[in-house]
Amino acid sequence: MSAVTDTTHDAEHAAEAHDGHHTPSDRHFIIIAGWLALLTALETSTYWIDLGSFATPLLLIMMTIKFFMIILVFMHLKYDSKLFSVMFYIGLGLAILVYSVFLATFQFFAR
């Protein structure tokens, strides 16, 4: 019975390697979560540390890094079919476009 299980297990790994799918280990997710926690701590520290005009660009950069870490790793876009990534980015682009049109309609940028 063990030989059958081992053969099935080996066949699954061979098929997985052939398809190019890679499932990250739990350790990988923990490391990413640690980086996200560190970035969050840095973001919240800007409340107590006055960085002047450098604070907003720094917060935007950290926000973008966290956003892409989450969608690529925890939403599995890095490991899934590229079709899902394309669909996500098209939706993201449309959302940004609609939000920009909304702000332009109410003359947000004219201030």
PDB file of N, CA and C in Angstrom:
ATOM      1  N   MET A   1       0.822  -1.190   0.000  1.00  0.00           N
ATOM      2  CA  MET A   1       0.000   0.000   0.000  1.00  0.00           C
ATOM      3  C   MET A   1       0.868   1.256   0.000  1.00  0.00           C
ATOM      4  N   SER A   2       1.990   1.196   0.682  1.00  0.00           N
ATOM      5  CA  SER A   2       2.879   2.346   0.731  1.00  0.00           C
ATOM      6  C   SER A   2       3.478   2.638  -0.635  1.00  0.00           C
ATOM      7  N   ALA A   3       3.785   1.598  -1.392  1.00  0.00           N
ATOM      8  CA  ALA A   3       4.363   1.780  -2.716  1.00  0.00           C
ATOM      9  C   ALA A   3       3.373   2.477  -3.653  1.00  0.00           C
ATOM     10  N   VAL A   4       2.091   2.138  -3.519  1.00  0.00           N
ATOM     11  CA  VAL A   4       1.072   2.776  -4.347  1.00  0.00           C
ATOM     12  C   VAL A   4       0.950   4.245  -3.990  1.00  0.00           C
ATOM     13  N   THR A   5       0.960   4.544  -2.693  1.00  0.00           N
ATOM     14  CA  THR A   5       0.868   5.932  -2.236  1.00  0.00           C
ATOM     15  C   THR A   5       2.080   6.731  -2.694  1.00  0.00           C
ATOM     16  N   ASP A   6       3.284   6.133  -2.591  1.00  0.00           N
ATOM     17  CA  ASP A   6       4.501   6.819  -3.014  1.00  0.00           C
ATOM     18  C   ASP A   6       4.488   7.083  -4.517  1.00  0.00           C
ATOM     19  N   THR A   7       4.013   6.115  -5.288  1.00  0.00           N
ATOM     20  CA  THR A   7       3.953   6.286  -6.734  1.00  0.00           C
ATOM     21  C   THR A   7       2.981   7.390  -7.105  1.00  0.00           C
ATOM     22  N   THR A   8       1.822   7.421  -6.453  1.00  0.00           N
ATOM     23  CA  THR A   8       0.833   8.465  -6.705  1.00  0.00           C
ATOM     24  C   THR A   8       1.394   9.828  -6.313  1.00  0.00           C
ATOM     25  N   HIS A   9       2.066   9.869  -5.163  1.00  0.00           N
ATOM     26  CA  HIS A   9       2.656  11.111  -4.671  1.00  0.00           C
ATOM     27  C   HIS A   9       3.728  11.614  -5.643  1.00  0.00           C
ATOM     28  N   ASP A  10       4.582  10.685  -6.145  1.00  0.00           N
ATOM     29  CA  ASP A  10       5.623  11.067  -7.103  1.00  0.00           C
ATOM     30  C   ASP A  10       5.015  11.558  -8.407  1.00  0.00           C
ATOM     31  N   ALA A  11       3.940  10.921  -8.851  1.00  0.00           N
ATOM     32  CA  ALA A  11       3.281  11.340 -10.093  1.00  0.00           C
ATOM     33  C   ALA A  11       2.691  12.735  -9.942  1.00  0.00           C
ATOM     34  N   GLU A  12       2.127  13.028  -8.760  1.00  0.00           N
ATOM     35  CA  GLU A  12       1.572  14.357  -8.521  1.00  0.00           C
ATOM     36  C   GLU A  12       2.668  15.413  -8.559  1.00  0.00           C
ATOM     37  N   HIS A  13       3.819  15.112  -7.928  1.00  0.00           N
ATOM     38  CA  HIS A  13       4.925  16.067  -7.939  1.00  0.00           C
ATOM     39  C   HIS A  13       5.474  16.263  -9.346  1.00  0.00           C
ATOM     40  N   ALA A  14       5.539  15.190 -10.134  1.00  0.00           N
ATOM     41  CA  ALA A  14       6.037  15.306 -11.499  1.00  0.00           C
ATOM     42  C   ALA A  14       5.097  16.159 -12.341  1.00  0.00           C
ATOM     43  N   ALA A  15       3.793  15.948 -12.176  1.00  0.00           N
ATOM     44  CA  ALA A  15       2.818  16.749 -12.917  1.00  0.00           C
ATOM     45  C   ALA A  15       2.881  18.202 -12.481  1.00  0.00           C
ATOM     46  N   GLU A  16       3.062  18.417 -11.188  1.00  0.00           N
ATOM     47  CA  GLU A  16       3.147  19.773 -10.657  1.00  0.00           C
ATOM     48  C   GLU A  16       4.389  20.478 -11.195  1.00  0.00           C
ATOM     49  N   ALA A  17       5.513  19.780 -11.236  1.00  0.00           N
ATOM     50  CA  ALA A  17       6.757  20.363 -11.743  1.00  0.00           C
ATOM     51  C   ALA A  17       6.655  20.623 -13.239  1.00  0.00           C
ATOM     52  N   HIS A  18       5.965  19.735 -13.948  1.00  0.00           N
ATOM     53  CA  HIS A  18       5.809  19.896 -15.388  1.00  0.00           C
ATOM     54  C   HIS A  18       4.947  21.111 -15.727  1.00  0.00           C
ATOM     55  N   ASP A  19       3.893  21.330 -14.959  1.00  0.00           N
ATOM     56  CA  ASP A  19       3.008  22.469 -15.196  1.00  0.00           C
ATOM     57  C   ASP A  19       3.627  23.790 -14.776  1.00  0.00           C
ATOM     58  N   GLY A  20       4.676  23.752 -13.968  1.00  0.00           N
ATOM     59  CA  GLY A  20       5.314  24.971 -13.520  1.00  0.00           C
ATOM     60  C   GLY A  20       4.656  25.578 -12.290  1.00  0.00           C
ATOM     61  N   HIS A  21       3.720  24.861 -11.697  1.00  0.00           N
ATOM     62  CA  HIS A  21       3.065  25.377 -10.501  1.00  0.00           C
ATOM     63  C   HIS A  21       3.972  25.164  -9.307  1.00  0.00           C
ATOM     64  N   HIS A  22       4.020  26.172  -8.480  1.00  0.00           N
ATOM     65  CA  HIS A  22       4.842  26.095  -7.276  1.00  0.00           C
ATOM     66  C   HIS A  22       4.001  26.578  -6.116  1.00  0.00           C
ATOM     67  N   THR A  23       3.876  25.737  -5.114  1.00  0.00           N
ATOM     68  CA  THR A  23       3.148  26.123  -3.924  1.00  0.00           C
ATOM     69  C   THR A  23       4.164  26.484  -2.847  1.00  0.00           C
ATOM     70  N   PRO A  24       4.129  27.702  -2.346  1.00  0.00           N
ATOM     71  CA  PRO A  24       5.112  28.094  -1.337  1.00  0.00           C
ATOM     72  C   PRO A  24       4.869  27.385  -0.014  1.00  0.00           C
ATOM     73  N   SER A  25       5.917  27.302   0.760  1.00  0.00           N
ATOM     74  CA  SER A  25       5.820  26.655   2.063  1.00  0.00           C
ATOM     75  C   SER A  25       5.205  27.611   3.083  1.00  0.00           C
ATOM     76  N   ASP A  26       4.854  27.052   4.230  1.00  0.00           N
ATOM     77  CA  ASP A  26       4.324  27.874   5.313  1.00  0.00           C
ATOM     78  C   ASP A  26       5.360  28.897   5.773  1.00  0.00           C
ATOM     79  N   ARG A  27       6.624  28.500   5.745  1.00  0.00           N
ATOM     80  CA  ARG A  27       7.701  29.401   6.150  1.00  0.00           C
ATOM     81  C   ARG A  27       7.717  30.654   5.271  1.00  0.00           C
ATOM     82  N   HIS A  28       7.489  30.470   3.982  1.00  0.00           N
ATOM     83  CA  HIS A  28       7.461  31.601   3.047  1.00  0.00           C
ATOM     84  C   HIS A  28       6.352  32.584   3.429  1.00  0.00           C
ATOM     85  N   PHE A  29       5.162  32.067   3.748  1.00  0.00           N
ATOM     86  CA  PHE A  29       4.052  32.932   4.141  1.00  0.00           C
ATOM     87  C   PHE A  29       4.357  33.665   5.453  1.00  0.00           C
ATOM     88  N   ILE A  30       5.018  32.991   6.371  1.00  0.00           N
ATOM     89  CA  ILE A  30       5.364  33.612   7.653  1.00  0.00           C
ATOM     90  C   ILE A  30       6.380  34.735   7.442  1.00  0.00           C
ATOM     91  N   ILE A  31       7.342  34.512   6.564  1.00  0.00           N
ATOM     92  CA  ILE A  31       8.336  35.553   6.271  1.00  0.00           C
ATOM     93  C   ILE A  31       7.662  36.770   5.643  1.00  0.00           C
ATOM     94  N   ILE A  32       6.763  36.536   4.689  1.00  0.00           N
ATOM     95  CA  ILE A  32       6.047  37.643   4.056  1.00  0.00           C
ATOM     96  C   ILE A  32       5.199  38.384   5.089  1.00  0.00           C
ATOM     97  N   ALA A  33       4.545  37.638   5.976  1.00  0.00           N
ATOM     98  CA  ALA A  33       3.738  38.271   7.027  1.00  0.00           C
ATOM     99  C   ALA A  33       4.624  39.110   7.946  1.00  0.00           C
ATOM    100  N   GLY A  34       5.824  38.654   8.219  1.00  0.00           N
ATOM    101  CA  GLY A  34       6.761  39.433   9.030  1.00  0.00           C
ATOM    102  C   GLY A  34       7.146  40.743   8.354  1.00  0.00           C
ATOM    103  N   TRP A  35       7.418  40.682   7.041  1.00  0.00           N
ATOM    104  CA  TRP A  35       7.729  41.903   6.299  1.00  0.00           C
ATOM    105  C   TRP A  35       6.550  42.861   6.288  1.00  0.00           C
ATOM    106  N   LEU A  36       5.344  42.305   6.132  1.00  0.00           N
ATOM    107  CA  LEU A  36       4.151  43.154   6.159  1.00  0.00           C
ATOM    108  C   LEU A  36       3.975  43.816   7.526  1.00  0.00           C
ATOM    109  N   ALA A  37       4.246  43.072   8.587  1.00  0.00           N
ATOM    110  CA  ALA A  37       4.151  43.638   9.938  1.00  0.00           C
ATOM    111  C   ALA A  37       5.184  44.746  10.132  1.00  0.00           C
ATOM    112  N   LEU A  38       6.392  44.527   9.619  1.00  0.00           N
ATOM    113  CA  LEU A  38       7.440  45.543   9.732  1.00  0.00           C
ATOM    114  C   LEU A  38       7.053  46.814   8.967  1.00  0.00           C
ATOM    115  N   LEU A  39       6.552  46.651   7.755  1.00  0.00           N
ATOM    116  CA  LEU A  39       6.121  47.820   6.982  1.00  0.00           C
ATOM    117  C   LEU A  39       4.956  48.551   7.664  1.00  0.00           C
ATOM    118  N   THR A  40       4.043  47.792   8.250  1.00  0.00           N
ATOM    119  CA  THR A  40       2.933  48.413   8.971  1.00  0.00           C
ATOM    120  C   THR A  40       3.446  49.194  10.179  1.00  0.00           C
ATOM    121  N   ALA A  41       4.416  48.628  10.886  1.00  0.00           N
ATOM    122  CA  ALA A  41       5.006  49.334  12.032  1.00  0.00           C
ATOM    123  C   ALA A  41       5.685  50.627  11.578  1.00  0.00           C
ATOM    124  N   LEU A  42       6.374  50.570  10.441  1.00  0.00           N
ATOM    125  CA  LEU A  42       7.005  51.781   9.923  1.00  0.00           C
ATOM    126  C   LEU A  42       5.961  52.816   9.508  1.00  0.00           C
ATOM    127  N   GLU A  43       4.871  52.346   8.904  1.00  0.00           N
ATOM    128  CA  GLU A  43       3.810  53.280   8.512  1.00  0.00           C
ATOM    129  C   GLU A  43       3.186  53.958   9.728  1.00  0.00           C
ATOM    130  N   THR A  44       2.898  53.176  10.753  1.00  0.00           N
ATOM    131  CA  THR A  44       2.267  53.770  11.930  1.00  0.00           C
ATOM    132  C   THR A  44       3.239  54.635  12.720  1.00  0.00           C
ATOM    133  N   SER A  45       4.541  54.378  12.580  1.00  0.00           N
ATOM    134  CA  SER A  45       5.515  55.210  13.302  1.00  0.00           C
ATOM    135  C   SER A  45       5.582  56.621  12.753  1.00  0.00           C
ATOM    136  N   THR A  46       5.081  56.828  11.539  1.00  0.00           N
ATOM    137  CA  THR A  46       5.081  58.183  10.991  1.00  0.00           C
ATOM    138  C   THR A  46       4.112  59.090  11.747  1.00  0.00           C
ATOM    139  N   TYR A  47       3.251  58.503  12.544  1.00  0.00           N
ATOM    140  CA  TYR A  47       2.346  59.297  13.384  1.00  0.00           C
ATOM    141  C   TYR A  47       3.127  60.008  14.492  1.00  0.00           C
ATOM    142  N   TRP A  48       4.160  59.333  15.008  1.00  0.00           N
ATOM    143  CA  TRP A  48       4.926  59.904  16.123  1.00  0.00           C
ATOM    144  C   TRP A  48       6.205  60.598  15.658  1.00  0.00           C
ATOM    145  N   ILE A  49       6.723  60.204  14.518  1.00  0.00           N
ATOM    146  CA  ILE A  49       7.961  60.786  14.000  1.00  0.00           C
ATOM    147  C   ILE A  49       7.607  61.759  12.888  1.00  0.00           C
ATOM    148  N   ASP A  50       7.998  63.012  13.052  1.00  0.00           N
ATOM    149  CA  ASP A  50       7.683  64.030  12.049  1.00  0.00           C
ATOM    150  C   ASP A  50       8.710  63.955  10.918  1.00  0.00           C
ATOM    151  N   LEU A  51       8.261  63.552   9.738  1.00  0.00           N
ATOM    152  CA  LEU A  51       9.139  63.446   8.580  1.00  0.00           C
ATOM    153  C   LEU A  51       8.943  64.586   7.598  1.00  0.00           C
ATOM    154  N   GLY A  52       8.071  65.517   7.942  1.00  0.00           N
ATOM    155  CA  GLY A  52       7.825  66.680   7.085  1.00  0.00           C
ATOM    156  C   GLY A  52       7.184  66.288   5.766  1.00  0.00           C
ATOM    157  N   SER A  53       7.692  66.879   4.693  1.00  0.00           N
ATOM    158  CA  SER A  53       7.109  66.627   3.372  1.00  0.00           C
ATOM    159  C   SER A  53       7.510  65.258   2.816  1.00  0.00           C
ATOM    160  N   PHE A  54       8.427  64.578   3.465  1.00  0.00           N
ATOM    161  CA  PHE A  54       8.871  63.255   3.030  1.00  0.00           C
ATOM    162  C   PHE A  54       7.888  62.164   3.460  1.00  0.00           C
ATOM    163  N   ALA A  55       6.991  62.462   4.394  1.00  0.00           N
ATOM    164  CA  ALA A  55       6.084  61.450   4.954  1.00  0.00           C
ATOM    165  C   ALA A  55       5.113  60.900   3.917  1.00  0.00           C
ATOM    166  N   THR A  56       4.492  61.757   3.139  1.00  0.00           N
ATOM    167  CA  THR A  56       3.484  61.289   2.180  1.00  0.00           C
ATOM    168  C   THR A  56       4.083  60.393   1.098  1.00  0.00           C
ATOM    169  N   PRO A  57       5.189  60.773   0.443  1.00  0.00           N
ATOM    170  CA  PRO A  57       5.768  59.847  -0.540  1.00  0.00           C
ATOM    171  C   PRO A  57       6.223  58.527   0.092  1.00  0.00           C
ATOM    172  N   LEU A  58       6.778  58.599   1.299  1.00  0.00           N
ATOM    173  CA  LEU A  58       7.214  57.386   1.982  1.00  0.00           C
ATOM    174  C   LEU A  58       6.036  56.466   2.276  1.00  0.00           C
ATOM    175  N   LEU A  59       4.935  57.035   2.748  1.00  0.00           N
ATOM    176  CA  LEU A  59       3.743  56.237   3.026  1.00  0.00           C
ATOM    177  C   LEU A  59       3.165  55.634   1.749  1.00  0.00           C
ATOM    178  N   LEU A  60       3.162  56.387   0.663  1.00  0.00           N
ATOM    179  CA  LEU A  60       2.659  55.859  -0.609  1.00  0.00           C
ATOM    180  C   LEU A  60       3.525  54.713  -1.131  1.00  0.00           C
ATOM    181  N   ILE A  61       4.824  54.835  -0.978  1.00  0.00           N
ATOM    182  CA  ILE A  61       5.733  53.769  -1.412  1.00  0.00           C
ATOM    183  C   ILE A  61       5.505  52.511  -0.573  1.00  0.00           C
ATOM    184  N   MET A  62       5.439  52.652   0.748  1.00  0.00           N
ATOM    185  CA  MET A  62       5.215  51.486   1.611  1.00  0.00           C
ATOM    186  C   MET A  62       3.851  50.860   1.349  1.00  0.00           C
ATOM    187  N   MET A  63       2.843  51.685   1.107  1.00  0.00           N
ATOM    188  CA  MET A  63       1.505  51.187   0.807  1.00  0.00           C
ATOM    189  C   MET A  63       1.519  50.361  -0.475  1.00  0.00           C
ATOM    190  N   THR A  64       2.226  50.838  -1.489  1.00  0.00           N
ATOM    191  CA  THR A  64       2.297  50.125  -2.763  1.00  0.00           C
ATOM    192  C   THR A  64       3.031  48.798  -2.621  1.00  0.00           C
ATOM    193  N   ILE A  65       4.117  48.799  -1.873  1.00  0.00           N
ATOM    194  CA  ILE A  65       4.864  47.560  -1.636  1.00  0.00           C
ATOM    195  C   ILE A  65       3.979  46.537  -0.926  1.00  0.00           C
ATOM    196  N   LYS A  66       3.280  46.967   0.109  1.00  0.00           N
ATOM    197  CA  LYS A  66       2.395  46.048   0.835  1.00  0.00           C
ATOM    198  C   LYS A  66       1.272  45.534  -0.065  1.00  0.00           C
ATOM    199  N   PHE A  67       0.710  46.416  -0.874  1.00  0.00           N
ATOM    200  CA  PHE A  67      -0.373  46.032  -1.776  1.00  0.00           C
ATOM    201  C   PHE A  67       0.078  44.906  -2.696  1.00  0.00           C
ATOM    202  N   PHE A  68       1.239  45.082  -3.336  1.00  0.00           N
ATOM    203  CA  PHE A  68       1.699  44.067  -4.274  1.00  0.00           C
ATOM    204  C   PHE A  68       2.154  42.794  -3.572  1.00  0.00           C
ATOM    205  N   MET A  69       2.716  42.902  -2.382  1.00  0.00           N
ATOM    206  CA  MET A  69       3.071  41.693  -1.633  1.00  0.00           C
ATOM    207  C   MET A  69       1.821  40.877  -1.316  1.00  0.00           C
ATOM    208  N   ILE A  70       0.768  41.547  -0.926  1.00  0.00           N
ATOM    209  CA  ILE A  70      -0.465  40.844  -0.569  1.00  0.00           C
ATOM    210  C   ILE A  70      -1.110  40.211  -1.792  1.00  0.00           C
ATOM    211  N   ILE A  71      -1.235  40.967  -2.881  1.00  0.00           N
ATOM    212  CA  ILE A  71      -1.920  40.374  -4.040  1.00  0.00           C
ATOM    213  C   ILE A  71      -1.087  39.296  -4.703  1.00  0.00           C
ATOM    214  N   LEU A  72       0.218  39.426  -4.712  1.00  0.00           N
ATOM    215  CA  LEU A  72       1.045  38.418  -5.360  1.00  0.00           C
ATOM    216  C   LEU A  72       1.168  37.145  -4.530  1.00  0.00           C
ATOM    217  N   VAL A  73       1.317  37.271  -3.220  1.00  0.00           N
ATOM    218  CA  VAL A  73       1.564  36.087  -2.392  1.00  0.00           C
ATOM    219  C   VAL A  73       0.279  35.547  -1.776  1.00  0.00           C
ATOM    220  N   PHE A  74      -0.449  36.377  -1.053  1.00  0.00           N
ATOM    221  CA  PHE A  74      -1.608  35.872  -0.323  1.00  0.00           C
ATOM    222  C   PHE A  74      -2.835  35.671  -1.214  1.00  0.00           C
ATOM    223  N   MET A  75      -2.917  36.406  -2.321  1.00  0.00           N
ATOM    224  CA  MET A  75      -4.005  36.170  -3.277  1.00  0.00           C
ATOM    225  C   MET A  75      -3.546  35.213  -4.384  1.00  0.00           C
ATOM    226  N   HIS A  76      -2.312  34.725  -4.280  1.00  0.00           N
ATOM    227  CA  HIS A  76      -1.740  33.697  -5.147  1.00  0.00           C
ATOM    228  C   HIS A  76      -1.633  34.101  -6.615  1.00  0.00           C
ATOM    229  N   LEU A  77      -1.619  35.389  -6.923  1.00  0.00           N
ATOM    230  CA  LEU A  77      -1.478  35.792  -8.321  1.00  0.00           C
ATOM    231  C   LEU A  77      -0.102  35.429  -8.876  1.00  0.00           C
ATOM    232  N   LYS A  78       0.875  35.324  -8.011  1.00  0.00           N
ATOM    233  CA  LYS A  78       2.220  34.968  -8.445  1.00  0.00           C
ATOM    234  C   LYS A  78       2.290  33.510  -8.890  1.00  0.00           C
ATOM    235  N   TYR A  79       1.452  32.659  -8.318  1.00  0.00           N
ATOM    236  CA  TYR A  79       1.548  31.222  -8.558  1.00  0.00           C
ATOM    237  C   TYR A  79       0.428  30.685  -9.438  1.00  0.00           C
ATOM    238  N   ASP A  80      -0.594  31.461  -9.714  1.00  0.00           N
ATOM    239  CA  ASP A  80      -1.714  31.005 -10.523  1.00  0.00           C
ATOM    240  C   ASP A  80      -1.503  31.344 -11.991  1.00  0.00           C
ATOM    241  N   SER A  81      -2.502  31.032 -12.768  1.00  0.00           N
ATOM    242  CA  SER A  81      -2.472  31.308 -14.194  1.00  0.00           C
ATOM    243  C   SER A  81      -2.331  32.812 -14.447  1.00  0.00           C
ATOM    244  N   LYS A  82      -1.623  33.148 -15.506  1.00  0.00           N
ATOM    245  CA  LYS A  82      -1.435  34.563 -15.857  1.00  0.00           C
ATOM    246  C   LYS A  82      -2.763  35.228 -16.234  1.00  0.00           C
ATOM    247  N   LEU A  83      -3.737  34.438 -16.625  1.00  0.00           N
ATOM    248  CA  LEU A  83      -5.054  34.974 -16.962  1.00  0.00           C
ATOM    249  C   LEU A  83      -5.668  35.689 -15.755  1.00  0.00           C
ATOM    250  N   PHE A  84      -5.499  35.097 -14.565  1.00  0.00           N
ATOM    251  CA  PHE A  84      -6.039  35.725 -13.352  1.00  0.00           C
ATOM    252  C   PHE A  84      -5.341  37.050 -13.067  1.00  0.00           C
ATOM    253  N   SER A  85      -4.044  37.108 -13.316  1.00  0.00           N
ATOM    254  CA  SER A  85      -3.312  38.364 -13.120  1.00  0.00           C
ATOM    255  C   SER A  85      -3.806  39.425 -14.089  1.00  0.00           C
ATOM    256  N   VAL A  86      -3.993  39.038 -15.347  1.00  0.00           N
ATOM    257  CA  VAL A  86      -4.468  39.992 -16.348  1.00  0.00           C
ATOM    258  C   VAL A  86      -5.850  40.509 -15.964  1.00  0.00           C
ATOM    259  N   MET A  87      -6.733  39.610 -15.547  1.00  0.00           N
ATOM    260  CA  MET A  87      -8.079  40.025 -15.145  1.00  0.00           C
ATOM    261  C   MET A  87      -8.028  40.965 -13.945  1.00  0.00           C
ATOM    262  N   PHE A  88      -7.160  40.680 -12.980  1.00  0.00           N
ATOM    263  CA  PHE A  88      -7.034  41.532 -11.799  1.00  0.00           C
ATOM    264  C   PHE A  88      -6.539  42.919 -12.186  1.00  0.00           C
ATOM    265  N   TYR A  89      -5.493  42.981 -13.018  1.00  0.00           N
ATOM    266  CA  TYR A  89      -4.917  44.267 -13.380  1.00  0.00           C
ATOM    267  C   TYR A  89      -5.853  45.089 -14.263  1.00  0.00           C
ATOM    268  N   ILE A  90      -6.642  44.434 -15.109  1.00  0.00           N
ATOM    269  CA  ILE A  90      -7.648  45.164 -15.891  1.00  0.00           C
ATOM    270  C   ILE A  90      -8.685  45.773 -14.951  1.00  0.00           C
ATOM    271  N   GLY A  91      -9.149  44.993 -13.972  1.00  0.00           N
ATOM    272  CA  GLY A  91     -10.101  45.523 -12.992  1.00  0.00           C
ATOM    273  C   GLY A  91      -9.515  46.649 -12.168  1.00  0.00           C
ATOM    274  N   LEU A  92      -8.256  46.510 -11.770  1.00  0.00           N
ATOM    275  CA  LEU A  92      -7.590  47.562 -11.012  1.00  0.00           C
ATOM    276  C   LEU A  92      -7.472  48.837 -11.844  1.00  0.00           C
ATOM    277  N   GLY A  93      -7.097  48.692 -13.115  1.00  0.00           N
ATOM    278  CA  GLY A  93      -6.993  49.854 -13.994  1.00  0.00           C
ATOM    279  C   GLY A  93      -8.335  50.541 -14.189  1.00  0.00           C
ATOM    280  N   LEU A  94      -9.393  49.757 -14.367  1.00  0.00           N
ATOM    281  CA  LEU A  94     -10.729  50.342 -14.514  1.00  0.00           C
ATOM    282  C   LEU A  94     -11.167  51.063 -13.238  1.00  0.00           C
ATOM    283  N   ALA A  95     -10.861  50.481 -12.080  1.00  0.00           N
ATOM    284  CA  ALA A  95     -11.225  51.120 -10.816  1.00  0.00           C
ATOM    285  C   ALA A  95     -10.493  52.452 -10.648  1.00  0.00           C
ATOM    286  N   ILE A  96      -9.220  52.481 -10.992  1.00  0.00           N
ATOM    287  CA  ILE A  96      -8.453  53.729 -10.903  1.00  0.00           C
ATOM    288  C   ILE A  96      -9.008  54.762 -11.883  1.00  0.00           C
ATOM    289  N   LEU A  97      -9.363  54.320 -13.084  1.00  0.00           N
ATOM    290  CA  LEU A  97      -9.936  55.216 -14.076  1.00  0.00           C
ATOM    291  C   LEU A  97     -11.269  55.809 -13.597  1.00  0.00           C
ATOM    292  N   VAL A  98     -12.139  54.975 -13.068  1.00  0.00           N
ATOM    293  CA  VAL A  98     -13.443  55.454 -12.578  1.00  0.00           C
ATOM    294  C   VAL A  98     -13.248  56.421 -11.419  1.00  0.00           C
ATOM    295  N   TYR A  99     -12.339  56.115 -10.509  1.00  0.00           N
ATOM    296  CA  TYR A  99     -12.079  56.994  -9.369  1.00  0.00           C
ATOM    297  C   TYR A  99     -11.512  58.332  -9.841  1.00  0.00           C
ATOM    298  N   SER A 100     -10.606  58.290 -10.820  1.00  0.00           N
ATOM    299  CA  SER A 100     -10.035  59.541 -11.354  1.00  0.00           C
ATOM    300  C   SER A 100     -11.103  60.394 -12.028  1.00  0.00           C
ATOM    301  N   VAL A 101     -11.989  59.757 -12.789  1.00  0.00           N
ATOM    302  CA  VAL A 101     -13.078  60.497 -13.438  1.00  0.00           C
ATOM    303  C   VAL A 101     -13.998  61.098 -12.384  1.00  0.00           C
ATOM    304  N   PHE A 102     -14.273  60.343 -11.335  1.00  0.00           N
ATOM    305  CA  PHE A 102     -15.110  60.851 -10.240  1.00  0.00           C
ATOM    306  C   PHE A 102     -14.486  62.093  -9.607  1.00  0.00           C
ATOM    307  N   LEU A 103     -13.177  62.028  -9.319  1.00  0.00           N
ATOM    308  CA  LEU A 103     -12.500  63.180  -8.722  1.00  0.00           C
ATOM    309  C   LEU A 103     -12.475  64.368  -9.680  1.00  0.00           C
ATOM    310  N   ALA A 104     -12.266  64.092 -10.958  1.00  0.00           N
ATOM    311  CA  ALA A 104     -12.251  65.184 -11.938  1.00  0.00           C
ATOM    312  C   ALA A 104     -13.631  65.813 -12.087  1.00  0.00           C
ATOM    313  N   THR A 105     -14.665  65.006 -11.976  1.00  0.00           N
ATOM    314  CA  THR A 105     -16.028  65.523 -12.098  1.00  0.00           C
ATOM    315  C   THR A 105     -16.329  66.537 -11.005  1.00  0.00           C
ATOM    316  N   PHE A 106     -15.869  66.283  -9.820  1.00  0.00           N
ATOM    317  CA  PHE A 106     -16.113  67.188  -8.705  1.00  0.00           C
ATOM    318  C   PHE A 106     -14.970  68.174  -8.495  1.00  0.00           C
ATOM    319  N   GLN A 107     -14.139  68.335  -9.520  1.00  0.00           N
ATOM    320  CA  GLN A 107     -13.063  69.324  -9.551  1.00  0.00           C
ATOM    321  C   GLN A 107     -12.124  69.202  -8.359  1.00  0.00           C
ATOM    322  N   PHE A 108     -11.809  67.983  -7.999  1.00  0.00           N
ATOM    323  CA  PHE A 108     -10.888  67.736  -6.902  1.00  0.00           C
ATOM    324  C   PHE A 108      -9.490  68.217  -7.231  1.00  0.00           C
ATOM    325  N   PHE A 109      -9.089  68.066  -8.500  1.00  0.00           N
ATOM    326  CA  PHE A 109      -7.734  68.410  -8.912  1.00  0.00           C
ATOM    327  C   PHE A 109      -7.558  69.911  -9.130  1.00  0.00           C
ATOM    328  N   ALA A 110      -8.633  70.662  -9.206  1.00  0.00           N
ATOM    329  CA  ALA A 110      -8.556  72.106  -9.470  1.00  0.00           C
ATOM    330  C   ALA A 110      -8.132  72.897  -8.233  1.00  0.00           C
ATOM    331  N   ARG A 111      -8.153  72.303  -7.089  1.00  0.00           N
ATOM    332  CA  ARG A 111      -7.836  73.043  -5.854  1.00  0.00           C
ATOM    333  C   ARG A 111      -6.408  73.430  -5.763  1.00  0.00           C
TER     334      ARG A 111
END
